[in-house]
Protein backbone atom coordinates (compact mmCIF):
# COMPACT_ATOMS: atom_id res chain seq x y z
CA MET A 1 -102.37 -17.89 147.07
CA LYS A 2 -100.60 -20.87 145.71
CA GLU A 3 -101.04 -19.54 142.18
CA PHE A 4 -99.69 -16.22 143.33
CA HIS A 5 -96.56 -17.92 144.77
CA ASP A 6 -96.08 -19.95 141.54
CA THR A 7 -96.40 -16.83 139.41
CA ARG A 8 -94.01 -14.97 141.72
CA ALA A 9 -91.45 -17.84 141.48
CA LYS A 10 -91.67 -17.77 137.68
CA ASP A 11 -91.28 -14.00 137.66
CA GLN A 12 -88.26 -14.26 139.98
CA GLU A 13 -86.66 -16.82 137.63
CA LEU A 14 -87.35 -14.60 134.62
CA LEU A 15 -85.89 -11.60 136.50
CA ARG A 16 -82.74 -13.58 137.28
CA GLN A 17 -82.36 -14.57 133.57
CA ILE A 18 -82.80 -10.94 132.51
CA GLN A 19 -80.19 -9.83 135.06
CA THR A 20 -77.75 -12.51 133.79
CA PHE A 21 -78.34 -11.41 130.21
CA MET A 22 -77.80 -7.74 131.10
CA LYS A 23 -74.61 -8.62 132.96
CA ARG A 24 -73.25 -10.50 129.91
CA GLU A 25 -74.14 -7.65 127.59
CA ASN A 26 -72.54 -5.19 129.98
CA ASP A 27 -69.36 -7.31 129.96
CA VAL A 28 -69.32 -7.36 126.14
CA LEU A 29 -69.86 -3.59 125.95
CA SER A 30 -67.18 -2.94 128.57
CA ARG A 31 -64.70 -5.06 126.54
CA ILE A 32 -65.59 -3.11 123.37
CA VAL A 33 -65.17 0.19 125.23
CA LYS A 34 -61.89 -1.07 126.68
CA ASP A 35 -60.60 -2.07 123.17
CA TYR A 36 -61.92 0.94 121.23
CA GLY A 37 -62.32 3.62 123.84
CA SER A 38 -66.06 4.17 123.47
CA LEU A 39 -68.88 3.18 121.15
CA GLN A 40 -68.64 6.57 119.52
CA ASN A 41 -64.91 6.00 118.79
CA LEU A 42 -65.77 2.56 117.36
CA ALA A 43 -68.39 4.10 115.09
CA VAL A 44 -65.86 6.75 113.97
CA GLN A 45 -63.23 4.09 113.20
CA ILE A 46 -65.75 2.03 111.22
CA ALA A 47 -66.85 5.13 109.29
CA ASP A 48 -63.21 6.07 108.52
CA ALA A 49 -62.34 2.55 107.29
CA THR A 50 -65.49 2.40 105.18
CA GLY A 51 -64.76 5.85 103.73
CA LYS A 52 -61.23 4.82 102.75
CA GLU A 53 -62.48 1.68 101.02
CA VAL A 54 -65.22 3.62 99.21
CA ASN A 55 -62.60 6.14 98.02
CA ARG A 56 -60.44 3.29 96.74
CA LEU A 57 -63.40 1.82 94.87
CA VAL A 58 -64.22 5.22 93.36
CA ASP A 59 -60.58 5.59 92.19
CA LYS A 60 -60.64 2.11 90.61
CA GLU A 61 -63.93 2.92 88.90
CA LYS A 62 -62.43 6.12 87.44
CA GLU A 63 -59.34 4.19 86.29
CA ILE A 64 -61.47 1.54 84.57
CA ALA A 65 -63.63 4.23 82.94
CA SER A 66 -60.53 6.04 81.61
CA LYS A 67 -59.11 2.79 80.19
CA LEU A 68 -62.44 1.98 78.56
CA ALA A 69 -62.46 5.45 77.01
CA GLU A 70 -59.06 4.71 75.42
CA ILE A 71 -60.47 1.75 73.46
CA PRO A 72 -61.36 2.91 69.94
CA ASP A 73 -64.85 2.38 68.60
CA GLN A 74 -63.58 0.62 65.51
CA VAL A 75 -60.43 -1.36 64.94
CA ASN A 76 -58.90 -1.99 61.53
CA VAL A 77 -57.39 -5.45 61.43
CA ARG A 78 -54.63 -6.01 58.94
CA TYR A 79 -53.63 -9.53 58.13
CA HIS A 80 -49.93 -10.15 57.79
CA TYR A 81 -48.89 -13.47 56.36
CA GLY A 82 -45.37 -14.73 56.60
CA ILE A 83 -42.96 -16.74 58.64
CA ASP A 84 -41.99 -15.15 61.87
CA ILE A 85 -38.40 -15.57 63.05
CA LYS A 86 -39.72 -16.72 66.39
CA SER A 87 -41.67 -19.55 64.74
CA THR A 88 -38.68 -20.92 62.79
CA PRO A 89 -37.79 -23.53 65.44
CA VAL A 90 -41.38 -24.75 65.39
CA ILE A 91 -41.25 -25.11 61.60
CA ILE A 92 -37.93 -26.96 61.80
CA VAL A 93 -39.33 -29.33 64.41
CA MET A 94 -42.41 -29.98 62.26
CA ILE A 95 -40.24 -30.71 59.19
CA LEU A 96 -38.04 -33.08 61.21
CA LEU A 97 -41.10 -34.85 62.61
CA SER A 98 -42.54 -35.29 59.12
CA ILE A 99 -39.20 -36.66 57.85
CA PHE A 100 -38.95 -39.11 60.75
CA THR A 101 -42.56 -40.16 60.21
CA SER A 102 -41.92 -40.73 56.50
CA LEU A 103 -38.77 -42.73 57.22
CA GLY A 104 -40.57 -44.76 59.86
CA LEU A 105 -43.41 -45.57 57.48
CA GLY A 106 -40.89 -46.51 54.78
CA ILE A 107 -39.08 -48.85 57.14
CA LEU A 108 -42.38 -50.43 58.19
CA TYR A 109 -43.32 -50.93 54.53
CA GLU A 110 -39.97 -52.55 53.73
CA LYS A 111 -40.12 -54.83 56.79
CA ASN A 112 -43.65 -55.86 55.81
CA ARG A 113 -42.46 -56.66 52.27
CA GLN A 114 -39.57 -58.72 53.64
CA LEU A 115 -41.95 -60.57 55.93
CA ASP A 116 -44.23 -61.33 52.98
CA ASN A 117 -41.23 -62.68 51.04
CA ARG A 118 -40.27 -64.92 53.96
CA LYS A 119 -43.82 -66.21 54.21
CA SER A 120 -43.77 -66.86 50.46
CA TYR A 121 -40.51 -68.81 50.73
CA GLU A 122 -41.85 -70.77 53.67
CA ILE A 123 -45.04 -71.68 51.79
CA ARG A 124 -42.99 -72.75 48.75
CA TYR A 125 -40.77 -74.93 50.89
CA ARG A 126 -43.78 -76.48 52.64
CA MET A 127 -45.38 -77.22 49.26
CA MET A 128 -42.13 -78.76 48.04
CA GLU A 129 -42.02 -80.85 51.20
CA LEU A 130 -45.51 -82.15 50.47
CA GLU A 131 -44.77 -82.91 46.82
CA LEU A 132 -41.19 -84.16 47.15
CA PRO A 133 -40.64 -85.47 50.69
CA ASN A 134 -37.50 -87.43 49.68
CA VAL A 135 -35.78 -84.31 48.33
CA THR A 136 -36.69 -82.10 51.26
CA SER A 137 -35.52 -84.61 53.84
CA HIS A 138 -32.13 -84.64 52.08
CA ILE A 139 -32.10 -80.79 52.00
CA ASP A 140 -32.82 -80.56 55.69
CA SER A 141 -30.11 -83.02 56.62
CA THR A 142 -27.54 -81.28 54.37
CA TYR A 143 -28.43 -77.86 55.73
CA ARG A 144 -28.30 -78.99 59.35
CA SER A 145 -24.92 -80.67 59.00
CA ASP A 146 -23.14 -77.70 57.34
CA PRO A 147 -25.17 -74.56 56.50
CA ASN A 148 -22.26 -72.87 54.66
CA LYS A 149 -21.73 -75.90 52.45
CA PHE A 150 -25.44 -75.97 51.73
CA GLN A 151 -25.41 -72.30 50.74
CA ASN A 152 -22.45 -72.88 48.40
CA LEU A 153 -24.24 -75.89 46.90
CA VAL A 154 -27.36 -73.82 46.23
CA ILE A 155 -25.32 -71.04 44.60
CA LYS A 156 -23.44 -73.62 42.48
CA ARG A 157 -26.67 -75.25 41.31
CA GLU A 158 -28.21 -71.87 40.48
CA GLU A 159 -25.17 -71.00 38.34
CA GLU A 160 -25.38 -74.43 36.65
CA ASN A 161 -29.06 -73.79 35.86
CA LYS A 162 -28.20 -70.37 34.40
CA LEU A 163 -25.46 -71.92 32.23
CA LEU A 164 -27.79 -74.70 31.07
CA PHE A 165 -30.44 -72.14 30.24
CA ASN A 166 -27.89 -70.03 28.30
CA VAL A 167 -26.68 -73.13 26.40
CA GLN A 168 -30.25 -74.07 25.55
CA ARG A 169 -31.01 -70.54 24.36
CA LYS A 170 -27.86 -70.49 22.18
CA ARG A 171 -28.87 -73.85 20.62
CA GLN A 172 -32.27 -72.39 19.75
CA GLU A 173 -30.61 -69.36 18.15
CA ILE A 174 -28.31 -71.63 16.11
CA GLU A 175 -31.24 -73.74 14.98
CA GLU A 176 -33.11 -70.61 13.95
CA LEU A 177 -30.10 -69.42 11.96
CA ASN A 178 -29.66 -72.81 10.28
CA GLY A 179 -33.39 -72.89 9.50
CA ASN A 180 -33.19 -69.50 7.73
CA PHE A 181 -30.41 -70.60 5.31
């Protein structure tokens, strides 16, 4: 008997769960019927919407097929070489960029050459300072006291050296002329 009561209690619980499930499903169906009228109306609306979309897809398929039919089987490609008016600004920009690049490289080359000359002058002066420290100490003090006077002195001595060289060359020419007679 006890087993019978246990089985009956389990069956009652299962019956209550089934009734709850049926009530929920009934609520869902009643909401659907309330929103769409009836299940048959819902099915009709779904069928209509699906039919419209299928018709749209069929139209698109026909459109694509007609456009594909317009494409020729073979295409002759002709090459046309020339400068297009629309590309003229691009060509002008490229020419300007190449000119600026060339000028920039030229300026870099000249600056590098000037830097090499300065290094050369510095090395010469340092060598002179090692060989003739008495002379270079006098040069430094003269330059520091009045740089303009020092520059004029250097120019004057260069001119004197040129004149002495010219005088010496003229003497050699005179000696050569006297030696020929």
